[in-house]
């Protein structure tokens, strides 16, 4: 009698455990990509106004000194728009504009550094 009761309880327990594992597996299959990490937030553009300190056209680099006197380096890419006196200009054109007021709209990226989107020389 004890053996029969033990076997009955053991089979009920195995059935319950098997059912709960099946339910967990089904729940995981129904959850759409819950384990995926969300993508990092996009970097928002910033603007810095200051004085154009130097231009290294061969290195595609512009240095602007902010109002606090701290110089900031900006990388110039093919997508960077450059304006001088309201007209479209090239990076090499800015070499003669050192010492003038400038405004730079840029993306501050951790790995790539400050990427200039728009450089406007007044």
PDB file of N, CA and C in Angstrom:
ATOM      1  N   UNK A   1       0.813  -1.177   0.000  1.00  0.00           N
ATOM      2  CA  UNK A   1       0.000   0.000   0.000  1.00  0.00           C
ATOM      3  C   UNK A   1       0.872   1.264   0.000  1.00  0.00           C
ATOM      4  N   UNK A   2       1.933   1.233   0.835  1.00  0.00           N
ATOM      5  CA  UNK A   2       2.809   2.384   0.894  1.00  0.00           C
ATOM      6  C   UNK A   2       3.509   2.622  -0.451  1.00  0.00           C
ATOM      7  N   UNK A   3       3.902   1.528  -1.096  1.00  0.00           N
ATOM      8  CA  UNK A   3       4.567   1.657  -2.392  1.00  0.00           C
ATOM      9  C   UNK A   3       3.623   2.235  -3.428  1.00  0.00           C
ATOM     10  N   UNK A   4       2.385   1.811  -3.429  1.00  0.00           N
ATOM     11  CA  UNK A   4       1.404   2.311  -4.391  1.00  0.00           C
ATOM     12  C   UNK A   4       1.135   3.791  -4.156  1.00  0.00           C
ATOM     13  N   UNK A   5       1.017   4.204  -2.902  1.00  0.00           N
ATOM     14  CA  UNK A   5       0.794   5.612  -2.574  1.00  0.00           C
ATOM     15  C   UNK A   5       2.006   6.447  -2.966  1.00  0.00           C
ATOM     16  N   UNK A   6       3.193   5.920  -2.704  1.00  0.00           N
ATOM     17  CA  UNK A   6       4.421   6.622  -3.079  1.00  0.00           C
ATOM     18  C   UNK A   6       4.523   6.799  -4.596  1.00  0.00           C
ATOM     19  N   UNK A   7       4.210   5.749  -5.350  1.00  0.00           N
ATOM     20  CA  UNK A   7       4.259   5.836  -6.805  1.00  0.00           C
ATOM     21  C   UNK A   7       3.227   6.825  -7.337  1.00  0.00           C
ATOM     22  N   UNK A   8       2.054   6.850  -6.711  1.00  0.00           N
ATOM     23  CA  UNK A   8       1.015   7.790  -7.129  1.00  0.00           C
ATOM     24  C   UNK A   8       1.458   9.226  -6.888  1.00  0.00           C
ATOM     25  N   UNK A   9       2.007   9.507  -5.716  1.00  0.00           N
ATOM     26  CA  UNK A   9       2.490  10.857  -5.400  1.00  0.00           C
ATOM     27  C   UNK A   9       3.660  11.258  -6.305  1.00  0.00           C
ATOM     28  N   UNK A  10       4.552  10.321  -6.550  1.00  0.00           N
ATOM     29  CA  UNK A  10       5.700  10.601  -7.412  1.00  0.00           C
ATOM     30  C   UNK A  10       5.245  10.930  -8.828  1.00  0.00           C
ATOM     31  N   UNK A  11       4.279  10.183  -9.346  1.00  0.00           N
ATOM     32  CA  UNK A  11       3.811  10.457 -10.709  1.00  0.00           C
ATOM     33  C   UNK A  11       3.054  11.780 -10.784  1.00  0.00           C
ATOM     34  N   UNK A  12       2.286  12.123  -9.732  1.00  0.00           N
ATOM     35  CA  UNK A  12       1.602  13.424  -9.703  1.00  0.00           C
ATOM     36  C   UNK A  12       2.610  14.569  -9.656  1.00  0.00           C
ATOM     37  N   UNK A  13       3.633  14.394  -8.848  1.00  0.00           N
ATOM     38  CA  UNK A  13       4.673  15.420  -8.740  1.00  0.00           C
ATOM     39  C   UNK A  13       5.405  15.602 -10.060  1.00  0.00           C
ATOM     40  N   UNK A  14       5.742  14.504 -10.720  1.00  0.00           N
ATOM     41  CA  UNK A  14       6.423  14.592 -12.025  1.00  0.00           C
ATOM     42  C   UNK A  14       5.536  15.270 -13.058  1.00  0.00           C
ATOM     43  N   UNK A  15       4.251  14.965 -13.037  1.00  0.00           N
ATOM     44  CA  UNK A  15       3.309  15.603 -13.961  1.00  0.00           C
ATOM     45  C   UNK A  15       3.206  17.094 -13.722  1.00  0.00           C
ATOM     46  N   UNK A  16       3.191  17.507 -12.435  1.00  0.00           N
ATOM     47  CA  UNK A  16       3.109  18.927 -12.098  1.00  0.00           C
ATOM     48  C   UNK A  16       4.370  19.663 -12.534  1.00  0.00           C
ATOM     49  N   UNK A  17       5.524  19.082 -12.236  1.00  0.00           N
ATOM     50  CA  UNK A  17       6.803  19.710 -12.599  1.00  0.00           C
ATOM     51  C   UNK A  17       6.916  19.826 -14.118  1.00  0.00           C
ATOM     52  N   UNK A  18       6.561  18.787 -14.831  1.00  0.00           N
ATOM     53  CA  UNK A  18       6.616  18.825 -16.292  1.00  0.00           C
ATOM     54  C   UNK A  18       5.692  19.881 -16.869  1.00  0.00           C
ATOM     55  N   UNK A  19       4.511  20.039 -16.285  1.00  0.00           N
ATOM     56  CA  UNK A  19       3.552  21.044 -16.750  1.00  0.00           C
ATOM     57  C   UNK A  19       4.075  22.455 -16.507  1.00  0.00           C
ATOM     58  N   UNK A  20       4.679  22.689 -15.342  1.00  0.00           N
ATOM     59  CA  UNK A  20       5.173  24.039 -15.044  1.00  0.00           C
ATOM     60  C   UNK A  20       6.329  24.414 -15.968  1.00  0.00           C
ATOM     61  N   UNK A  21       7.206  23.456 -16.297  1.00  0.00           N
ATOM     62  CA  UNK A  21       8.289  23.743 -17.242  1.00  0.00           C
ATOM     63  C   UNK A  21       7.737  24.050 -18.632  1.00  0.00           C
ATOM     64  N   UNK A  22       6.718  23.338 -19.032  1.00  0.00           N
ATOM     65  CA  UNK A  22       6.111  23.574 -20.342  1.00  0.00           C
ATOM     66  C   UNK A  22       5.459  24.947 -20.389  1.00  0.00           C
ATOM     67  N   UNK A  23       4.830  25.362 -19.284  1.00  0.00           N
ATOM     68  CA  UNK A  23       4.197  26.678 -19.233  1.00  0.00           C
ATOM     69  C   UNK A  23       5.251  27.782 -19.285  1.00  0.00           C
ATOM     70  N   UNK A  24       6.371  27.605 -18.594  1.00  0.00           N
ATOM     71  CA  UNK A  24       7.449  28.598 -18.631  1.00  0.00           C
ATOM     72  C   UNK A  24       8.022  28.734 -20.033  1.00  0.00           C
ATOM     73  N   UNK A  25       8.227  27.621 -20.683  1.00  0.00           N
ATOM     74  CA  UNK A  25       8.771  27.643 -22.046  1.00  0.00           C
ATOM     75  C   UNK A  25       7.808  28.340 -22.996  1.00  0.00           C
ATOM     76  N   UNK A  26       6.518  28.100 -22.840  1.00  0.00           N
ATOM     77  CA  UNK A  26       5.524  28.753 -23.699  1.00  0.00           C
ATOM     78  C   UNK A  26       5.480  30.250 -23.428  1.00  0.00           C
ATOM     79  N   UNK A  27       5.603  30.647 -22.160  1.00  0.00           N
ATOM     80  CA  UNK A  27       5.584  32.073 -21.814  1.00  0.00           C
ATOM     81  C   UNK A  27       6.791  32.789 -22.403  1.00  0.00           C
ATOM     82  N   UNK A  28       7.943  32.134 -22.368  1.00  0.00           N
ATOM     83  CA  UNK A  28       9.148  32.748 -22.937  1.00  0.00           C
ATOM     84  C   UNK A  28       9.033  32.884 -24.447  1.00  0.00           C
ATOM     85  N   UNK A  29       8.411  31.918 -25.082  1.00  0.00           N
ATOM     86  CA  UNK A  29       8.251  31.964 -26.533  1.00  0.00           C
ATOM     87  C   UNK A  29       7.282  33.061 -26.950  1.00  0.00           C
ATOM     88  N   UNK A  30       6.304  33.376 -26.097  1.00  0.00           N
ATOM     89  CA  UNK A  30       5.313  34.403 -26.421  1.00  0.00           C
ATOM     90  C   UNK A  30       5.842  35.809 -26.200  1.00  0.00           C
ATOM     91  N   UNK A  31       6.817  35.997 -25.320  1.00  0.00           N
ATOM     92  CA  UNK A  31       7.347  37.323 -25.018  1.00  0.00           C
ATOM     93  C   UNK A  31       8.244  37.766 -26.166  1.00  0.00           C
ATOM     94  N   UNK A  32       7.868  38.820 -26.903  1.00  0.00           N
ATOM     95  CA  UNK A  32       8.659  39.257 -28.063  1.00  0.00           C
ATOM     96  C   UNK A  32       9.877  40.060 -27.661  1.00  0.00           C
ATOM     97  N   UNK A  33      11.017  39.481 -27.821  1.00  0.00           N
ATOM     98  CA  UNK A  33      12.308  40.158 -27.664  1.00  0.00           C
ATOM     99  C   UNK A  33      12.434  40.911 -26.350  1.00  0.00           C
ATOM    100  N   UNK A  34      11.913  40.353 -25.277  1.00  0.00           N
ATOM    101  CA  UNK A  34      11.992  41.029 -23.985  1.00  0.00           C
ATOM    102  C   UNK A  34      13.427  41.082 -23.478  1.00  0.00           C
ATOM    103  N   UNK A  35      14.245  40.148 -23.887  1.00  0.00           N
ATOM    104  CA  UNK A  35      15.615  40.089 -23.414  1.00  0.00           C
ATOM    105  C   UNK A  35      16.553  41.009 -24.189  1.00  0.00           C
ATOM    106  N   UNK A  36      16.102  41.574 -25.314  1.00  0.00           N
ATOM    107  CA  UNK A  36      16.965  42.451 -26.102  1.00  0.00           C
ATOM    108  C   UNK A  36      17.198  43.762 -25.373  1.00  0.00           C
ATOM    109  N   UNK A  37      18.407  44.266 -25.470  1.00  0.00           N
ATOM    110  CA  UNK A  37      18.734  45.544 -24.851  1.00  0.00           C
ATOM    111  C   UNK A  37      18.269  46.669 -25.764  1.00  0.00           C
ATOM    112  N   UNK A  38      17.744  47.745 -25.180  1.00  0.00           N
ATOM    113  CA  UNK A  38      17.348  48.867 -26.033  1.00  0.00           C
ATOM    114  C   UNK A  38      18.582  49.547 -26.611  1.00  0.00           C
ATOM    115  N   UNK A  39      18.425  50.136 -27.784  1.00  0.00           N
ATOM    116  CA  UNK A  39      19.540  50.834 -28.415  1.00  0.00           C
ATOM    117  C   UNK A  39      19.861  52.103 -27.627  1.00  0.00           C
ATOM    118  N   UNK A  40      21.111  52.503 -27.688  1.00  0.00           N
ATOM    119  CA  UNK A  40      21.530  53.714 -27.000  1.00  0.00           C
ATOM    120  C   UNK A  40      20.843  54.922 -27.622  1.00  0.00           C
ATOM    121  N   UNK A  41      20.564  55.896 -26.775  1.00  0.00           N
ATOM    122  CA  UNK A  41      19.911  57.105 -27.256  1.00  0.00           C
ATOM    123  C   UNK A  41      20.832  57.840 -28.228  1.00  0.00           C
ATOM    124  N   UNK A  42      20.235  58.447 -29.212  1.00  0.00           N
ATOM    125  CA  UNK A  42      20.997  59.190 -30.210  1.00  0.00           C
ATOM    126  C   UNK A  42      21.620  60.427 -29.554  1.00  0.00           C
ATOM    127  N   UNK A  43      22.794  60.802 -30.030  1.00  0.00           N
ATOM    128  CA  UNK A  43      23.492  61.974 -29.521  1.00  0.00           C
ATOM    129  C   UNK A  43      22.807  63.215 -30.073  1.00  0.00           C
ATOM    130  N   UNK A  44      22.504  64.168 -29.204  1.00  0.00           N
ATOM    131  CA  UNK A  44      21.849  65.403 -29.629  1.00  0.00           C
ATOM    132  C   UNK A  44      22.909  66.445 -29.990  1.00  0.00           C
ATOM    133  N   UNK A  45      22.662  67.214 -31.051  1.00  0.00           N
ATOM    134  CA  UNK A  45      23.619  68.250 -31.450  1.00  0.00           C
ATOM    135  C   UNK A  45      23.737  69.353 -30.395  1.00  0.00           C
ATOM    136  N   UNK A  46      24.934  69.896 -30.283  1.00  0.00           N
ATOM    137  CA  UNK A  46      25.209  71.021 -29.389  1.00  0.00           C
ATOM    138  C   UNK A  46      25.797  72.147 -30.214  1.00  0.00           C
ATOM    139  N   UNK A  47      25.818  73.339 -29.642  1.00  0.00           N
ATOM    140  CA  UNK A  47      26.378  74.495 -30.348  1.00  0.00           C
ATOM    141  C   UNK A  47      27.394  75.194 -29.451  1.00  0.00           C
ATOM    142  N   UNK A  48      28.511  75.597 -30.049  1.00  0.00           N
ATOM    143  CA  UNK A  48      29.540  76.351 -29.343  1.00  0.00           C
ATOM    144  C   UNK A  48      29.858  77.589 -30.158  1.00  0.00           C
ATOM    145  N   UNK A  49      29.878  78.725 -29.494  1.00  0.00           N
ATOM    146  CA  UNK A  49      30.286  79.976 -30.142  1.00  0.00           C
ATOM    147  C   UNK A  49      31.600  80.417 -29.523  1.00  0.00           C
ATOM    148  N   UNK A  50      32.480  80.946 -30.363  1.00  0.00           N
ATOM    149  CA  UNK A  50      33.769  81.391 -29.868  1.00  0.00           C
ATOM    150  C   UNK A  50      34.587  82.011 -30.975  1.00  0.00           C
ATOM    151  N   UNK A  51      35.897  81.863 -30.871  1.00  0.00           N
ATOM    152  CA  UNK A  51      36.834  82.434 -31.838  1.00  0.00           C
ATOM    153  C   UNK A  51      37.552  81.304 -32.571  1.00  0.00           C
ATOM    154  N   UNK A  52      37.630  81.448 -33.898  1.00  0.00           N
ATOM    155  CA  UNK A  52      38.337  80.449 -34.699  1.00  0.00           C
ATOM    156  C   UNK A  52      39.826  80.583 -34.425  1.00  0.00           C
ATOM    157  N   UNK A  53      40.408  79.556 -33.817  1.00  0.00           N
ATOM    158  CA  UNK A  53      41.817  79.608 -33.434  1.00  0.00           C
ATOM    159  C   UNK A  53      42.718  79.097 -34.548  1.00  0.00           C
ATOM    160  N   UNK A  54      42.377  77.915 -35.109  1.00  0.00           N
ATOM    161  CA  UNK A  54      43.203  77.376 -36.176  1.00  0.00           C
ATOM    162  C   UNK A  54      42.422  76.401 -37.036  1.00  0.00           C
ATOM    163  N   UNK A  55      42.952  76.179 -38.259  1.00  0.00           N
ATOM    164  CA  UNK A  55      42.349  75.248 -39.205  1.00  0.00           C
ATOM    165  C   UNK A  55      43.469  74.379 -39.775  1.00  0.00           C
ATOM    166  N   UNK A  56      43.299  73.068 -39.682  1.00  0.00           N
ATOM    167  CA  UNK A  56      44.248  72.127 -40.278  1.00  0.00           C
ATOM    168  C   UNK A  56      43.472  71.367 -41.343  1.00  0.00           C
ATOM    169  N   UNK A  57      43.466  71.930 -42.550  1.00  0.00           N
ATOM    170  CA  UNK A  57      42.673  71.345 -43.638  1.00  0.00           C
ATOM    171  C   UNK A  57      43.142  69.941 -43.986  1.00  0.00           C
ATOM    172  N   UNK A  58      44.447  69.690 -43.914  1.00  0.00           N
ATOM    173  CA  UNK A  58      44.967  68.362 -44.239  1.00  0.00           C
ATOM    174  C   UNK A  58      44.534  67.300 -43.226  1.00  0.00           C
ATOM    175  N   UNK A  59      44.306  67.700 -41.975  1.00  0.00           N
ATOM    176  CA  UNK A  59      43.852  66.779 -40.931  1.00  0.00           C
ATOM    177  C   UNK A  59      42.338  66.846 -40.719  1.00  0.00           C
ATOM    178  N   UNK A  60      41.684  67.738 -41.482  1.00  0.00           N
ATOM    179  CA  UNK A  60      40.238  67.966 -41.350  1.00  0.00           C
ATOM    180  C   UNK A  60      39.873  68.264 -39.905  1.00  0.00           C
ATOM    181  N   UNK A  61      40.546  69.293 -39.356  1.00  0.00           N
ATOM    182  CA  UNK A  61      40.388  69.664 -37.963  1.00  0.00           C
ATOM    183  C   UNK A  61      40.265  71.176 -37.827  1.00  0.00           C
ATOM    184  N   UNK A  62      39.318  71.601 -36.996  1.00  0.00           N
ATOM    185  CA  UNK A  62      39.123  73.019 -36.698  1.00  0.00           C
ATOM    186  C   UNK A  62      39.204  73.180 -35.187  1.00  0.00           C
ATOM    187  N   UNK A  63      39.912  74.203 -34.724  1.00  0.00           N
ATOM    188  CA  UNK A  63      40.022  74.469 -33.292  1.00  0.00           C
ATOM    189  C   UNK A  63      39.342  75.804 -33.011  1.00  0.00           C
ATOM    190  N   UNK A  64      38.394  75.768 -32.061  1.00  0.00           N
ATOM    191  CA  UNK A  64      37.643  76.966 -31.677  1.00  0.00           C
ATOM    192  C   UNK A  64      37.850  77.196 -30.183  1.00  0.00           C
ATOM    193  N   UNK A  65      38.185  78.443 -29.819  1.00  0.00           N
ATOM    194  CA  UNK A  65      38.335  78.791 -28.417  1.00  0.00           C
ATOM    195  C   UNK A  65      37.008  79.343 -27.931  1.00  0.00           C
ATOM    196  N   UNK A  66      36.452  78.716 -26.894  1.00  0.00           N
ATOM    197  CA  UNK A  66      35.179  79.132 -26.333  1.00  0.00           C
ATOM    198  C   UNK A  66      35.324  80.396 -25.514  1.00  0.00           C
ATOM    199  N   UNK A  67      34.211  80.909 -25.007  1.00  0.00           N
ATOM    200  CA  UNK A  67      34.206  82.136 -24.211  1.00  0.00           C
ATOM    201  C   UNK A  67      35.041  81.991 -22.940  1.00  0.00           C
ATOM    202  N   UNK A  68      35.172  80.773 -22.435  1.00  0.00           N
ATOM    203  CA  UNK A  68      35.947  80.528 -21.218  1.00  0.00           C
ATOM    204  C   UNK A  68      37.451  80.461 -21.491  1.00  0.00           C
ATOM    205  N   UNK A  69      37.839  80.509 -22.777  1.00  0.00           N
ATOM    206  CA  UNK A  69      39.252  80.438 -23.150  1.00  0.00           C
ATOM    207  C   UNK A  69      39.743  79.027 -23.398  1.00  0.00           C
ATOM    208  N   UNK A  70      38.859  78.050 -23.295  1.00  0.00           N
ATOM    209  CA  UNK A  70      39.236  76.651 -23.514  1.00  0.00           C
ATOM    210  C   UNK A  70      39.110  76.316 -24.997  1.00  0.00           C
ATOM    211  N   UNK A  71      40.174  75.748 -25.595  1.00  0.00           N
ATOM    212  CA  UNK A  71      40.094  75.359 -27.011  1.00  0.00           C
ATOM    213  C   UNK A  71      39.364  74.018 -27.185  1.00  0.00           C
ATOM    214  N   UNK A  72      38.547  73.936 -28.224  1.00  0.00           N
ATOM    215  CA  UNK A  72      37.808  72.722 -28.558  1.00  0.00           C
ATOM    216  C   UNK A  72      38.176  72.292 -29.970  1.00  0.00           C
ATOM    217  N   UNK A  73      38.472  71.011 -30.137  1.00  0.00           N
ATOM    218  CA  UNK A  73      38.787  70.439 -31.456  1.00  0.00           C
ATOM    219  C   UNK A  73      37.508  69.890 -32.076  1.00  0.00           C
ATOM    220  N   UNK A  74      37.341  70.136 -33.375  1.00  0.00           N
ATOM    221  CA  UNK A  74      36.185  69.628 -34.112  1.00  0.00           C
ATOM    222  C   UNK A  74      36.676  68.931 -35.375  1.00  0.00           C
ATOM    223  N   UNK A  75      36.195  67.699 -35.568  1.00  0.00           N
ATOM    224  CA  UNK A  75      36.522  66.955 -36.785  1.00  0.00           C
ATOM    225  C   UNK A  75      35.545  67.374 -37.876  1.00  0.00           C
ATOM    226  N   UNK A  76      36.079  67.597 -39.065  1.00  0.00           N
ATOM    227  CA  UNK A  76      35.267  67.985 -40.218  1.00  0.00           C
ATOM    228  C   UNK A  76      35.130  66.765 -41.119  1.00  0.00           C
ATOM    229  N   UNK A  77      33.886  66.457 -41.497  1.00  0.00           N
ATOM    230  CA  UNK A  77      33.619  65.311 -42.369  1.00  0.00           C
ATOM    231  C   UNK A  77      33.053  65.808 -43.696  1.00  0.00           C
ATOM    232  N   UNK A  78      32.783  64.900 -44.582  1.00  0.00           N
ATOM    233  CA  UNK A  78      32.176  65.253 -45.860  1.00  0.00           C
ATOM    234  C   UNK A  78      30.764  65.792 -45.693  1.00  0.00           C
ATOM    235  N   UNK A  79      30.131  65.485 -44.576  1.00  0.00           N
ATOM    236  CA  UNK A  79      28.765  65.954 -44.314  1.00  0.00           C
ATOM    237  C   UNK A  79      28.731  67.307 -43.615  1.00  0.00           C
ATOM    238  N   UNK A  80      29.891  67.820 -43.198  1.00  0.00           N
ATOM    239  CA  UNK A  80      29.940  69.109 -42.506  1.00  0.00           C
ATOM    240  C   UNK A  80      29.646  70.252 -43.471  1.00  0.00           C
ATOM    241  N   UNK A  81      28.701  71.122 -43.096  1.00  0.00           N
ATOM    242  CA  UNK A  81      28.389  72.313 -43.898  1.00  0.00           C
ATOM    243  C   UNK A  81      29.211  73.469 -43.348  1.00  0.00           C
ATOM    244  N   UNK A  82      29.798  74.245 -44.256  1.00  0.00           N
ATOM    245  CA  UNK A  82      30.647  75.372 -43.862  1.00  0.00           C
ATOM    246  C   UNK A  82      30.131  76.633 -44.531  1.00  0.00           C
ATOM    247  N   UNK A  83      29.962  77.689 -43.723  1.00  0.00           N
ATOM    248  CA  UNK A  83      29.524  78.981 -44.239  1.00  0.00           C
ATOM    249  C   UNK A  83      30.445  80.070 -43.715  1.00  0.00           C
ATOM    250  N   UNK A  84      30.782  81.007 -44.584  1.00  0.00           N
ATOM    251  CA  UNK A  84      31.594  82.160 -44.207  1.00  0.00           C
ATOM    252  C   UNK A  84      30.904  83.403 -44.741  1.00  0.00           C
ATOM    253  N   UNK A  85      30.514  84.303 -43.842  1.00  0.00           N
ATOM    254  CA  UNK A  85      29.813  85.515 -44.259  1.00  0.00           C
ATOM    255  C   UNK A  85      28.469  85.214 -44.909  1.00  0.00           C
ATOM    256  N   UNK A  86      27.818  84.123 -44.508  1.00  0.00           N
ATOM    257  CA  UNK A  86      26.518  83.754 -45.057  1.00  0.00           C
ATOM    258  C   UNK A  86      26.576  82.950 -46.343  1.00  0.00           C
ATOM    259  N   UNK A  87      27.751  82.816 -46.939  1.00  0.00           N
ATOM    260  CA  UNK A  87      27.897  82.070 -48.196  1.00  0.00           C
ATOM    261  C   UNK A  87      28.558  80.716 -47.938  1.00  0.00           C
ATOM    262  N   UNK A  88      28.281  79.776 -48.826  1.00  0.00           N
ATOM    263  CA  UNK A  88      28.878  78.454 -48.723  1.00  0.00           C
ATOM    264  C   UNK A  88      30.392  78.578 -48.910  1.00  0.00           C
ATOM    265  N   UNK A  89      31.145  77.828 -48.095  1.00  0.00           N
ATOM    266  CA  UNK A  89      32.602  77.888 -48.164  1.00  0.00           C
ATOM    267  C   UNK A  89      33.189  76.492 -48.017  1.00  0.00           C
ATOM    268  N   UNK A  90      34.505  76.408 -48.231  1.00  0.00           N
ATOM    269  CA  UNK A  90      35.232  75.155 -48.064  1.00  0.00           C
ATOM    270  C   UNK A  90      36.116  75.265 -46.834  1.00  0.00           C
ATOM    271  N   UNK A  91      36.576  74.115 -46.353  1.00  0.00           N
ATOM    272  CA  UNK A  91      37.428  74.103 -45.163  1.00  0.00           C
ATOM    273  C   UNK A  91      38.686  74.935 -45.376  1.00  0.00           C
ATOM    274  N   UNK A  92      39.293  74.836 -46.537  1.00  0.00           N
ATOM    275  CA  UNK A  92      40.511  75.609 -46.815  1.00  0.00           C
ATOM    276  C   UNK A  92      40.260  77.115 -46.763  1.00  0.00           C
ATOM    277  N   UNK A  93      39.022  77.549 -47.057  1.00  0.00           N
ATOM    278  CA  UNK A  93      38.679  78.974 -47.007  1.00  0.00           C
ATOM    279  C   UNK A  93      38.726  79.523 -45.588  1.00  0.00           C
ATOM    280  N   UNK A  94      38.559  78.656 -44.598  1.00  0.00           N
ATOM    281  CA  UNK A  94      38.540  79.114 -43.209  1.00  0.00           C
ATOM    282  C   UNK A  94      39.927  79.451 -42.670  1.00  0.00           C
ATOM    283  N   UNK A  95      40.967  79.014 -43.356  1.00  0.00           N
ATOM    284  CA  UNK A  95      42.332  79.282 -42.889  1.00  0.00           C
ATOM    285  C   UNK A  95      42.605  80.774 -42.762  1.00  0.00           C
ATOM    286  N   UNK A  96      42.003  81.566 -43.630  1.00  0.00           N
ATOM    287  CA  UNK A  96      42.194  83.020 -43.570  1.00  0.00           C
ATOM    288  C   UNK A  96      41.249  83.712 -42.606  1.00  0.00           C
ATOM    289  N   UNK A  97      40.405  82.959 -41.917  1.00  0.00           N
ATOM    290  CA  UNK A  97      39.416  83.545 -41.023  1.00  0.00           C
ATOM    291  C   UNK A  97      39.761  83.367 -39.549  1.00  0.00           C
ATOM    292  N   UNK A  98      41.008  82.958 -39.247  1.00  0.00           N
ATOM    293  CA  UNK A  98      41.371  82.786 -37.842  1.00  0.00           C
ATOM    294  C   UNK A  98      41.258  84.114 -37.108  1.00  0.00           C
ATOM    295  N   UNK A  99      40.795  84.030 -35.862  1.00  0.00           N
ATOM    296  CA  UNK A  99      40.590  85.232 -35.050  1.00  0.00           C
ATOM    297  C   UNK A  99      39.182  85.781 -35.160  1.00  0.00           C
ATOM    298  N   UNK A 100      38.375  85.285 -36.082  1.00  0.00           N
ATOM    299  CA  UNK A 100      37.005  85.760 -36.257  1.00  0.00           C
ATOM    300  C   UNK A 100      36.038  84.947 -35.401  1.00  0.00           C
ATOM    301  N   UNK A 101      34.853  85.528 -35.190  1.00  0.00           N
ATOM    302  CA  UNK A 101      33.809  84.844 -34.434  1.00  0.00           C
ATOM    303  C   UNK A 101      33.258  83.679 -35.242  1.00  0.00           C
ATOM    304  N   UNK A 102      33.012  82.568 -34.571  1.00  0.00           N
ATOM    305  CA  UNK A 102      32.531  81.373 -35.239  1.00  0.00           C
ATOM    306  C   UNK A 102      31.519  80.659 -34.345  1.00  0.00           C
ATOM    307  N   UNK A 103      30.596  79.970 -34.989  1.00  0.00           N
ATOM    308  CA  UNK A 103      29.614  79.148 -34.295  1.00  0.00           C
ATOM    309  C   UNK A 103      29.693  77.748 -34.901  1.00  0.00           C
ATOM    310  N   UNK A 104      29.759  76.731 -34.037  1.00  0.00           N
ATOM    311  CA  UNK A 104      29.881  75.355 -34.508  1.00  0.00           C
ATOM    312  C   UNK A 104      28.753  74.516 -33.908  1.00  0.00           C
ATOM    313  N   UNK A 105      27.975  73.895 -34.782  1.00  0.00           N
ATOM    314  CA  UNK A 105      26.968  72.927 -34.353  1.00  0.00           C
ATOM    315  C   UNK A 105      27.638  71.569 -34.501  1.00  0.00           C
ATOM    316  N   UNK A 106      27.658  70.773 -33.416  1.00  0.00           N
ATOM    317  CA  UNK A 106      28.429  69.536 -33.439  1.00  0.00           C
ATOM    318  C   UNK A 106      27.767  68.432 -32.628  1.00  0.00           C
ATOM    319  N   UNK A 107      28.254  67.211 -32.861  1.00  0.00           N
ATOM    320  CA  UNK A 107      27.858  66.038 -32.087  1.00  0.00           C
ATOM    321  C   UNK A 107      29.047  65.644 -31.220  1.00  0.00           C
ATOM    322  N   UNK A 108      28.829  65.553 -29.911  1.00  0.00           N
ATOM    323  CA  UNK A 108      29.886  65.148 -28.984  1.00  0.00           C
ATOM    324  C   UNK A 108      29.782  63.639 -28.787  1.00  0.00           C
ATOM    325  N   UNK A 109      30.605  62.897 -29.520  1.00  0.00           N
ATOM    326  CA  UNK A 109      30.578  61.436 -29.437  1.00  0.00           C
ATOM    327  C   UNK A 109      31.753  60.952 -28.604  1.00  0.00           C
ATOM    328  N   UNK A 110      31.509  59.922 -27.805  1.00  0.00           N
ATOM    329  CA  UNK A 110      32.542  59.417 -26.900  1.00  0.00           C
ATOM    330  C   UNK A 110      33.759  58.888 -27.641  1.00  0.00           C
ATOM    331  N   UNK A 111      33.549  58.058 -28.640  1.00  0.00           N
ATOM    332  CA  UNK A 111      34.673  57.433 -29.332  1.00  0.00           C
ATOM    333  C   UNK A 111      35.250  58.306 -30.435  1.00  0.00           C
ATOM    334  N   UNK A 112      34.395  58.966 -31.198  1.00  0.00           N
ATOM    335  CA  UNK A 112      34.860  59.721 -32.367  1.00  0.00           C
ATOM    336  C   UNK A 112      35.270  61.144 -32.031  1.00  0.00           C
ATOM    337  N   UNK A 113      34.852  61.674 -30.900  1.00  0.00           N
ATOM    338  CA  UNK A 113      35.163  63.051 -30.540  1.00  0.00           C
ATOM    339  C   UNK A 113      34.075  63.996 -31.022  1.00  0.00           C
ATOM    340  N   UNK A 114      34.398  65.283 -31.125  1.00  0.00           N
ATOM    341  CA  UNK A 114      33.436  66.300 -31.562  1.00  0.00           C
ATOM    342  C   UNK A 114      33.380  66.334 -33.089  1.00  0.00           C
ATOM    343  N   UNK A 115      32.226  65.978 -33.647  1.00  0.00           N
ATOM    344  CA  UNK A 115      32.041  65.945 -35.094  1.00  0.00           C
ATOM    345  C   UNK A 115      31.242  67.176 -35.503  1.00  0.00           C
ATOM    346  N   UNK A 116      31.848  68.059 -36.286  1.00  0.00           N
ATOM    347  CA  UNK A 116      31.174  69.288 -36.719  1.00  0.00           C
ATOM    348  C   UNK A 116      30.104  68.979 -37.766  1.00  0.00           C
ATOM    349  N   UNK A 117      28.916  69.524 -37.554  1.00  0.00           N
ATOM    350  CA  UNK A 117      27.833  69.416 -38.526  1.00  0.00           C
ATOM    351  C   UNK A 117      27.725  70.700 -39.343  1.00  0.00           C
ATOM    352  N   UNK A 118      27.900  71.827 -38.657  1.00  0.00           N
ATOM    353  CA  UNK A 118      27.799  73.137 -39.310  1.00  0.00           C
ATOM    354  C   UNK A 118      28.810  74.084 -38.678  1.00  0.00           C
ATOM    355  N   UNK A 119      29.607  74.751 -39.534  1.00  0.00           N
ATOM    356  CA  UNK A 119      30.559  75.757 -39.066  1.00  0.00           C
ATOM    357  C   UNK A 119      30.185  77.063 -39.760  1.00  0.00           C
ATOM    358  N   UNK A 120      29.895  78.089 -38.950  1.00  0.00           N
ATOM    359  CA  UNK A 120      29.523  79.396 -39.508  1.00  0.00           C
ATOM    360  C   UNK A 120      30.476  80.460 -38.977  1.00  0.00           C
ATOM    361  N   UNK A 121      31.183  81.089 -39.904  1.00  0.00           N
ATOM    362  CA  UNK A 121      32.076  82.188 -39.549  1.00  0.00           C
ATOM    363  C   UNK A 121      31.364  83.480 -39.877  1.00  0.00           C
ATOM    364  N   UNK A 122      31.323  84.413 -38.909  1.00  0.00           N
ATOM    365  CA  UNK A 122      30.636  85.694 -39.128  1.00  0.00           C
ATOM    366  C   UNK A 122      31.513  86.686 -39.845  1.00  0.00           C
TER     367      UNK A 122
END
